[in-house]
PDB file of N, CA and C in Angstrom:
ATOM      1  N   MET A   1      -0.921 -10.728 -15.765  1.00  0.00           N
ATOM      2  CA  MET A   1      -0.211 -10.111 -14.661  1.00  0.00           C
ATOM      3  C   MET A   1      -0.322 -11.032 -13.431  1.00  0.00           C
ATOM      4  N   LYS A   2       0.778 -11.238 -12.757  1.00  0.00           N
ATOM      5  CA  LYS A   2       0.797 -12.090 -11.576  1.00  0.00           C
ATOM      6  C   LYS A   2       0.125 -11.370 -10.412  1.00  0.00           C
ATOM      7  N   LYS A   3      -0.719 -12.086  -9.688  1.00  0.00           N
ATOM      8  CA  LYS A   3      -1.392 -11.511  -8.531  1.00  0.00           C
ATOM      9  C   LYS A   3      -0.704 -12.050  -7.279  1.00  0.00           C
ATOM     10  N   TYR A   4      -0.178 -11.171  -6.454  1.00  0.00           N
ATOM     11  CA  TYR A   4       0.613 -11.593  -5.302  1.00  0.00           C
ATOM     12  C   TYR A   4      -0.253 -12.009  -4.120  1.00  0.00           C
ATOM     13  N   GLU A   5      -1.136 -11.174  -3.706  1.00  0.00           N
ATOM     14  CA  GLU A   5      -2.065 -11.467  -2.622  1.00  0.00           C
ATOM     15  C   GLU A   5      -3.420 -10.904  -3.032  1.00  0.00           C
ATOM     16  N   GLU A   6      -4.413 -11.075  -2.230  1.00  0.00           N
ATOM     17  CA  GLU A   6      -5.748 -10.583  -2.558  1.00  0.00           C
ATOM     18  C   GLU A   6      -5.734  -9.074  -2.777  1.00  0.00           C
ATOM     19  N   GLY A   7      -5.994  -8.643  -4.002  1.00  0.00           N
ATOM     20  CA  GLY A   7      -6.049  -7.220  -4.310  1.00  0.00           C
ATOM     21  C   GLY A   7      -4.713  -6.579  -4.619  1.00  0.00           C
ATOM     22  N   VAL A   8      -3.616  -7.252  -4.311  1.00  0.00           N
ATOM     23  CA  VAL A   8      -2.287  -6.695  -4.560  1.00  0.00           C
ATOM     24  C   VAL A   8      -1.823  -7.185  -5.929  1.00  0.00           C
ATOM     25  N   VAL A   9      -1.483  -6.254  -6.803  1.00  0.00           N
ATOM     26  CA  VAL A   9      -1.160  -6.641  -8.173  1.00  0.00           C
ATOM     27  C   VAL A   9       0.332  -6.566  -8.506  1.00  0.00           C
ATOM     28  N   SER A  10       1.155  -6.005  -7.637  1.00  0.00           N
ATOM     29  CA  SER A  10       2.592  -5.964  -7.915  1.00  0.00           C
ATOM     30  C   SER A  10       3.376  -6.157  -6.625  1.00  0.00           C
ATOM     31  N   LYS A  11       4.613  -6.581  -6.770  1.00  0.00           N
ATOM     32  CA  LYS A  11       5.443  -6.794  -5.587  1.00  0.00           C
ATOM     33  C   LYS A  11       5.742  -5.474  -4.890  1.00  0.00           C
ATOM     34  N   TYR A  12       5.774  -4.380  -5.643  1.00  0.00           N
ATOM     35  CA  TYR A  12       6.030  -3.061  -5.053  1.00  0.00           C
ATOM     36  C   TYR A  12       4.841  -2.619  -4.191  1.00  0.00           C
ATOM     37  N   GLN A  13       3.655  -2.884  -4.672  1.00  0.00           N
ATOM     38  CA  GLN A  13       2.452  -2.555  -3.897  1.00  0.00           C
ATOM     39  C   GLN A  13       2.393  -3.419  -2.633  1.00  0.00           C
ATOM     40  N   LEU A  14       2.735  -4.689  -2.744  1.00  0.00           N
ATOM     41  CA  LEU A  14       2.765  -5.586  -1.586  1.00  0.00           C
ATOM     42  C   LEU A  14       3.714  -5.057  -0.526  1.00  0.00           C
ATOM     43  N   ILE A  15       4.898  -4.631  -0.928  1.00  0.00           N
ATOM     44  CA  ILE A  15       5.890  -4.118   0.015  1.00  0.00           C
ATOM     45  C   ILE A  15       5.407  -2.825   0.661  1.00  0.00           C
ATOM     46  N   ASN A  16       4.794  -1.936  -0.123  1.00  0.00           N
ATOM     47  CA  ASN A  16       4.297  -0.673   0.430  1.00  0.00           C
ATOM     48  C   ASN A  16       3.191  -0.901   1.449  1.00  0.00           C
ATOM     49  N   VAL A  17       2.252  -1.782   1.136  1.00  0.00           N
ATOM     50  CA  VAL A  17       1.150  -2.067   2.065  1.00  0.00           C
ATOM     51  C   VAL A  17       1.692  -2.697   3.346  1.00  0.00           C
ATOM     52  N   ALA A  18       2.579  -3.675   3.211  1.00  0.00           N
ATOM     53  CA  ALA A  18       3.144  -4.344   4.385  1.00  0.00           C
ATOM     54  C   ALA A  18       3.999  -3.382   5.214  1.00  0.00           C
ATOM     55  N   ALA A  19       4.740  -2.489   4.568  1.00  0.00           N
ATOM     56  CA  ALA A  19       5.591  -1.544   5.298  1.00  0.00           C
ATOM     57  C   ALA A  19       4.748  -0.574   6.121  1.00  0.00           C
ATOM     58  N   ARG A  20       3.657  -0.099   5.534  1.00  0.00           N
ATOM     59  CA  ARG A  20       2.777   0.806   6.294  1.00  0.00           C
ATOM     60  C   ARG A  20       2.151   0.085   7.487  1.00  0.00           C
ATOM     61  N   ARG A  21       1.749  -1.171   7.279  1.00  0.00           N
ATOM     62  CA  ARG A  21       1.163  -1.943   8.373  1.00  0.00           C
ATOM     63  C   ARG A  21       2.219  -2.240   9.442  1.00  0.00           C
ATOM     64  N   CYS A  22       3.444  -2.488   9.026  1.00  0.00           N
ATOM     65  CA  CYS A  22       4.535  -2.739   9.961  1.00  0.00           C
ATOM     66  C   CYS A  22       4.761  -1.523  10.855  1.00  0.00           C
ATOM     67  N   ARG A  23       4.718  -0.323  10.261  1.00  0.00           N
ATOM     68  CA  ARG A  23       4.861   0.904  11.067  1.00  0.00           C
ATOM     69  C   ARG A  23       3.736   1.022  12.095  1.00  0.00           C
ATOM     70  N   GLN A  24       2.530   0.656  11.692  1.00  0.00           N
ATOM     71  CA  GLN A  24       1.401   0.701  12.626  1.00  0.00           C
ATOM     72  C   GLN A  24       1.619  -0.275  13.773  1.00  0.00           C
ATOM     73  N   LEU A  25       2.102  -1.474  13.468  1.00  0.00           N
ATOM     74  CA  LEU A  25       2.354  -2.477  14.508  1.00  0.00           C
ATOM     75  C   LEU A  25       3.444  -2.006  15.468  1.00  0.00           C
ATOM     76  N   ARG A  26       4.508  -1.401  14.929  1.00  0.00           N
ATOM     77  CA  ARG A  26       5.578  -0.879  15.780  1.00  0.00           C
ATOM     78  C   ARG A  26       5.088   0.247  16.675  1.00  0.00           C
ATOM     79  N   SER A  27       4.057   0.969  16.220  1.00  0.00           N
ATOM     80  CA  SER A  27       3.510   2.083  17.001  1.00  0.00           C
ATOM     81  C   SER A  27       2.552   1.618  18.081  1.00  0.00           C
ATOM     82  N   GLY A  28       2.255   0.323  18.119  1.00  0.00           N
ATOM     83  CA  GLY A  28       1.399  -0.200  19.179  1.00  0.00           C
ATOM     84  C   GLY A  28       0.062  -0.750  18.715  1.00  0.00           C
ATOM     85  N   ALA A  29      -0.188  -0.812  17.421  1.00  0.00           N
ATOM     86  CA  ALA A  29      -1.448  -1.376  16.924  1.00  0.00           C
ATOM     87  C   ALA A  29      -1.508  -2.865  17.250  1.00  0.00           C
ATOM     88  N   THR A  30      -2.701  -3.360  17.468  1.00  0.00           N
ATOM     89  CA  THR A  30      -2.878  -4.781  17.763  1.00  0.00           C
ATOM     90  C   THR A  30      -2.857  -5.596  16.468  1.00  0.00           C
ATOM     91  N   PRO A  31      -2.171  -6.719  16.466  1.00  0.00           N
ATOM     92  CA  PRO A  31      -2.168  -7.564  15.275  1.00  0.00           C
ATOM     93  C   PRO A  31      -3.579  -8.054  14.945  1.00  0.00           C
ATOM     94  N   ARG A  32      -3.869  -8.183  13.662  1.00  0.00           N
ATOM     95  CA  ARG A  32      -5.196  -8.617  13.216  1.00  0.00           C
ATOM     96  C   ARG A  32      -5.267 -10.117  13.007  1.00  0.00           C
ATOM     97  N   ILE A  33      -4.158 -10.809  13.201  1.00  0.00           N
ATOM     98  CA  ILE A  33      -4.163 -12.268  13.154  1.00  0.00           C
ATOM     99  C   ILE A  33      -3.861 -12.760  14.563  1.00  0.00           C
ATOM    100  N   GLN A  34      -4.477 -13.866  14.939  1.00  0.00           N
ATOM    101  CA  GLN A  34      -4.327 -14.341  16.315  1.00  0.00           C
ATOM    102  C   GLN A  34      -3.035 -15.109  16.547  1.00  0.00           C
ATOM    103  N   TYR A  35      -2.608 -15.850  15.539  1.00  0.00           N
ATOM    104  CA  TYR A  35      -1.421 -16.678  15.723  1.00  0.00           C
ATOM    105  C   TYR A  35      -0.406 -16.373  14.634  1.00  0.00           C
ATOM    106  N   SER A  36       0.798 -16.148  15.043  1.00  0.00           N
ATOM    107  CA  SER A  36       1.883 -15.949  14.096  1.00  0.00           C
ATOM    108  C   SER A  36       3.103 -16.700  14.603  1.00  0.00           C
ATOM    109  N   ARG A  37       3.841 -17.284  13.688  1.00  0.00           N
ATOM    110  CA  ARG A  37       5.051 -18.010  14.069  1.00  0.00           C
ATOM    111  C   ARG A  37       6.152 -17.067  14.510  1.00  0.00           C
ATOM    112  N   SER A  38       6.040 -15.812  14.119  1.00  0.00           N
ATOM    113  CA  SER A  38       7.120 -14.858  14.343  1.00  0.00           C
ATOM    114  C   SER A  38       6.679 -13.723  15.266  1.00  0.00           C
ATOM    115  N   LYS A  39       7.642 -13.125  15.910  1.00  0.00           N
ATOM    116  CA  LYS A  39       7.406 -11.910  16.700  1.00  0.00           C
ATOM    117  C   LYS A  39       7.843 -10.675  15.914  1.00  0.00           C
ATOM    118  N   ASN A  40       8.403 -10.903  14.721  1.00  0.00           N
ATOM    119  CA  ASN A  40       8.878  -9.837  13.863  1.00  0.00           C
ATOM    120  C   ASN A  40       7.689  -9.091  13.250  1.00  0.00           C
ATOM    121  N   PHE A  41       7.655  -7.763  13.413  1.00  0.00           N
ATOM    122  CA  PHE A  41       6.530  -6.976  12.919  1.00  0.00           C
ATOM    123  C   PHE A  41       6.386  -7.039  11.401  1.00  0.00           C
ATOM    124  N   ALA A  42       7.494  -7.091  10.681  1.00  0.00           N
ATOM    125  CA  ALA A  42       7.434  -7.168   9.218  1.00  0.00           C
ATOM    126  C   ALA A  42       6.796  -8.481   8.777  1.00  0.00           C
ATOM    127  N   ARG A  43       7.161  -9.570   9.417  1.00  0.00           N
ATOM    128  CA  ARG A  43       6.594 -10.879   9.093  1.00  0.00           C
ATOM    129  C   ARG A  43       5.104 -10.915   9.413  1.00  0.00           C
ATOM    130  N   ILE A  44       4.731 -10.362  10.562  1.00  0.00           N
ATOM    131  CA  ILE A  44       3.314 -10.315  10.948  1.00  0.00           C
ATOM    132  C   ILE A  44       2.524  -9.490   9.934  1.00  0.00           C
ATOM    133  N   ALA A  45       3.084  -8.358   9.505  1.00  0.00           N
ATOM    134  CA  ALA A  45       2.402  -7.505   8.529  1.00  0.00           C
ATOM    135  C   ALA A  45       2.196  -8.246   7.214  1.00  0.00           C
ATOM    136  N   LEU A  46       3.197  -8.975   6.742  1.00  0.00           N
ATOM    137  CA  LEU A  46       3.048  -9.745   5.508  1.00  0.00           C
ATOM    138  C   LEU A  46       2.000 -10.847   5.660  1.00  0.00           C
ATOM    139  N   GLU A  47       1.963 -11.494   6.825  1.00  0.00           N
ATOM    140  CA  GLU A  47       0.960 -12.525   7.065  1.00  0.00           C
ATOM    141  C   GLU A  47      -0.449 -11.930   7.082  1.00  0.00           C
ATOM    142  N   GLU A  48      -0.590 -10.720   7.627  1.00  0.00           N
ATOM    143  CA  GLU A  48      -1.885 -10.049   7.638  1.00  0.00           C
ATOM    144  C   GLU A  48      -2.344  -9.708   6.221  1.00  0.00           C
ATOM    145  N   VAL A  49      -1.422  -9.241   5.395  1.00  0.00           N
ATOM    146  CA  VAL A  49      -1.768  -8.933   4.004  1.00  0.00           C
ATOM    147  C   VAL A  49      -2.180 -10.214   3.287  1.00  0.00           C
ATOM    148  N   LYS A  50      -1.428 -11.289   3.492  1.00  0.00           N
ATOM    149  CA  LYS A  50      -1.735 -12.569   2.852  1.00  0.00           C
ATOM    150  C   LYS A  50      -3.103 -13.096   3.281  1.00  0.00           C
ATOM    151  N   ALA A  51      -3.465 -12.876   4.551  1.00  0.00           N
ATOM    152  CA  ALA A  51      -4.746 -13.344   5.065  1.00  0.00           C
ATOM    153  C   ALA A  51      -5.904 -12.422   4.672  1.00  0.00           C
ATOM    154  N   GLY A  52      -5.593 -11.299   4.041  1.00  0.00           N
ATOM    155  CA  GLY A  52      -6.650 -10.373   3.634  1.00  0.00           C
ATOM    156  C   GLY A  52      -7.185  -9.529   4.778  1.00  0.00           C
ATOM    157  N   LYS A  53      -6.413  -9.393   5.843  1.00  0.00           N
ATOM    158  CA  LYS A  53      -6.839  -8.637   7.027  1.00  0.00           C
ATOM    159  C   LYS A  53      -6.482  -7.155   6.949  1.00  0.00           C
ATOM    160  N   VAL A  54      -5.685  -6.771   5.955  1.00  0.00           N
ATOM    161  CA  VAL A  54      -5.260  -5.379   5.816  1.00  0.00           C
ATOM    162  C   VAL A  54      -5.941  -4.790   4.588  1.00  0.00           C
ATOM    163  N   GLY A  55      -6.749  -3.779   4.816  1.00  0.00           N
ATOM    164  CA  GLY A  55      -7.416  -3.121   3.704  1.00  0.00           C
ATOM    165  C   GLY A  55      -6.585  -1.961   3.192  1.00  0.00           C
ATOM    166  N   PHE A  56      -6.676  -1.698   1.913  1.00  0.00           N
ATOM    167  CA  PHE A  56      -5.977  -0.558   1.331  1.00  0.00           C
ATOM    168  C   PHE A  56      -6.771  -0.091   0.129  1.00  0.00           C
ATOM    169  N   GLU A  57      -6.497   1.117  -0.273  1.00  0.00           N
ATOM    170  CA  GLU A  57      -7.200   1.721  -1.389  1.00  0.00           C
ATOM    171  C   GLU A  57      -6.166   2.252  -2.374  1.00  0.00           C
ATOM    172  N   GLN A  58      -6.330   1.895  -3.632  1.00  0.00           N
ATOM    173  CA  GLN A  58      -5.420   2.390  -4.652  1.00  0.00           C
ATOM    174  C   GLN A  58      -6.011   3.677  -5.214  1.00  0.00           C
ATOM    175  N   LEU A  59      -5.273   4.768  -5.082  1.00  0.00           N
ATOM    176  CA  LEU A  59      -5.757   6.066  -5.530  1.00  0.00           C
ATOM    177  C   LEU A  59      -5.532   6.231  -7.025  1.00  0.00           C
ATOM    178  N   ALA A  60      -6.415   6.991  -7.649  1.00  0.00           N
ATOM    179  CA  ALA A  60      -6.287   7.262  -9.075  1.00  0.00           C
ATOM    180  C   ALA A  60      -5.132   8.239  -9.307  1.00  0.00           C
ATOM    181  N   VAL A  61      -4.463   8.078 -10.398  1.00  0.00           N
ATOM    182  CA  VAL A  61      -3.356   8.968 -10.756  1.00  0.00           C
ATOM    183  C   VAL A  61      -3.955  10.246 -11.341  1.00  0.00           C
ATOM    184  N   PRO A  62      -3.605  11.408 -10.798  1.00  0.00           N
ATOM    185  CA  PRO A  62      -4.162  12.656 -11.333  1.00  0.00           C
ATOM    186  C   PRO A  62      -3.653  12.929 -12.748  1.00  0.00           C
ATOM    187  N   ALA A  63      -4.471  13.631 -13.516  1.00  0.00           N
ATOM    188  CA  ALA A  63      -4.092  13.972 -14.888  1.00  0.00           C
ATOM    189  C   ALA A  63      -2.912  14.937 -14.876  1.00  0.00           C
ATOM    190  N   ARG A  64      -1.995  14.760 -15.808  1.00  0.00           N
ATOM    191  CA  ARG A  64      -0.841  15.649 -15.905  1.00  0.00           C
ATOM    192  C   ARG A  64      -1.277  16.971 -16.512  1.00  0.00           C
ATOM    193  N   GLN A  65      -0.659  18.023 -16.077  1.00  0.00           N
ATOM    194  CA  GLN A  65      -0.963  19.340 -16.622  1.00  0.00           C
ATOM    195  C   GLN A  65       0.329  20.020 -17.035  1.00  0.00           C
ATOM    196  N   THR A  66       0.233  20.813 -18.082  1.00  0.00           N
ATOM    197  CA  THR A  66       1.371  21.633 -18.493  1.00  0.00           C
ATOM    198  C   THR A  66       0.931  23.087 -18.405  1.00  0.00           C
ATOM    199  N   VAL A  67       1.871  23.975 -18.467  1.00  0.00           N
ATOM    200  CA  VAL A  67       1.566  25.403 -18.372  1.00  0.00           C
ATOM    201  C   VAL A  67       1.586  26.000 -19.771  1.00  0.00           C
ATOM    202  N   ASP A  68       0.531  26.736 -20.095  1.00  0.00           N
ATOM    203  CA  ASP A  68       0.442  27.439 -21.375  1.00  0.00           C
ATOM    204  C   ASP A  68       1.426  28.604 -21.326  1.00  0.00           C
ATOM    205  N   ASP A  69       2.379  28.652 -22.253  1.00  0.00           N
ATOM    206  CA  ASP A  69       3.420  29.683 -22.258  1.00  0.00           C
ATOM    207  C   ASP A  69       2.859  31.086 -22.473  1.00  0.00           C
ATOM    208  N   SER A  70       1.766  31.196 -23.217  1.00  0.00           N
ATOM    209  CA  SER A  70       1.258  32.529 -23.531  1.00  0.00           C
ATOM    210  C   SER A  70       0.611  33.209 -22.339  1.00  0.00           C
ATOM    211  N   GLU A  71      -0.103  32.427 -21.488  1.00  0.00           N
ATOM    212  CA  GLU A  71      -0.817  33.054 -20.370  1.00  0.00           C
ATOM    213  C   GLU A  71      -0.398  32.519 -19.003  1.00  0.00           C
ATOM    214  N   GLY A  72       0.405  31.484 -18.961  1.00  0.00           N
ATOM    215  CA  GLY A  72       0.868  30.941 -17.700  1.00  0.00           C
ATOM    216  C   GLY A  72      -0.193  30.136 -16.949  1.00  0.00           C
ATOM    217  N   LEU A  73      -1.232  29.670 -17.641  1.00  0.00           N
ATOM    218  CA  LEU A  73      -2.302  28.918 -17.013  1.00  0.00           C
ATOM    219  C   LEU A  73      -2.108  27.420 -17.291  1.00  0.00           C
ATOM    220  N   PRO A  74      -2.513  26.546 -16.339  1.00  0.00           N
ATOM    221  CA  PRO A  74      -2.377  25.115 -16.562  1.00  0.00           C
ATOM    222  C   PRO A  74      -3.305  24.666 -17.699  1.00  0.00           C
ATOM    223  N   VAL A  75      -2.803  23.747 -18.509  1.00  0.00           N
ATOM    224  CA  VAL A  75      -3.568  23.209 -19.622  1.00  0.00           C
ATOM    225  C   VAL A  75      -3.565  21.688 -19.463  1.00  0.00           C
ATOM    226  N   GLY A  76      -4.756  21.062 -19.471  1.00  0.00           N
ATOM    227  CA  GLY A  76      -4.837  19.601 -19.369  1.00  0.00           C
ATOM    228  C   GLY A  76      -4.324  18.944 -20.625  1.00  0.00           C
ATOM    229  N   LEU A  77      -3.650  17.798 -20.464  1.00  0.00           N
ATOM    230  CA  LEU A  77      -3.117  17.077 -21.627  1.00  0.00           C
ATOM    231  C   LEU A  77      -4.138  16.176 -22.217  1.00  0.00           C
TER     232      LEU A  77
END
């Protein structure tokens, strides 16, 4: 599997992490890198992810449950 940045394992995860950081920057958060070639918040967010300055946590996927037809109670798969 290709590794995009430190800890990021897919391009979709990279985009999600950078997008959330971009929203924080637009809301007034201070950039975590001192020098950036761009004033664009999206570019700064991607540079922060690349530099390992943005932490994130990957949550576990909850177990799927179905409903037992006889009693209407959830049953683990």
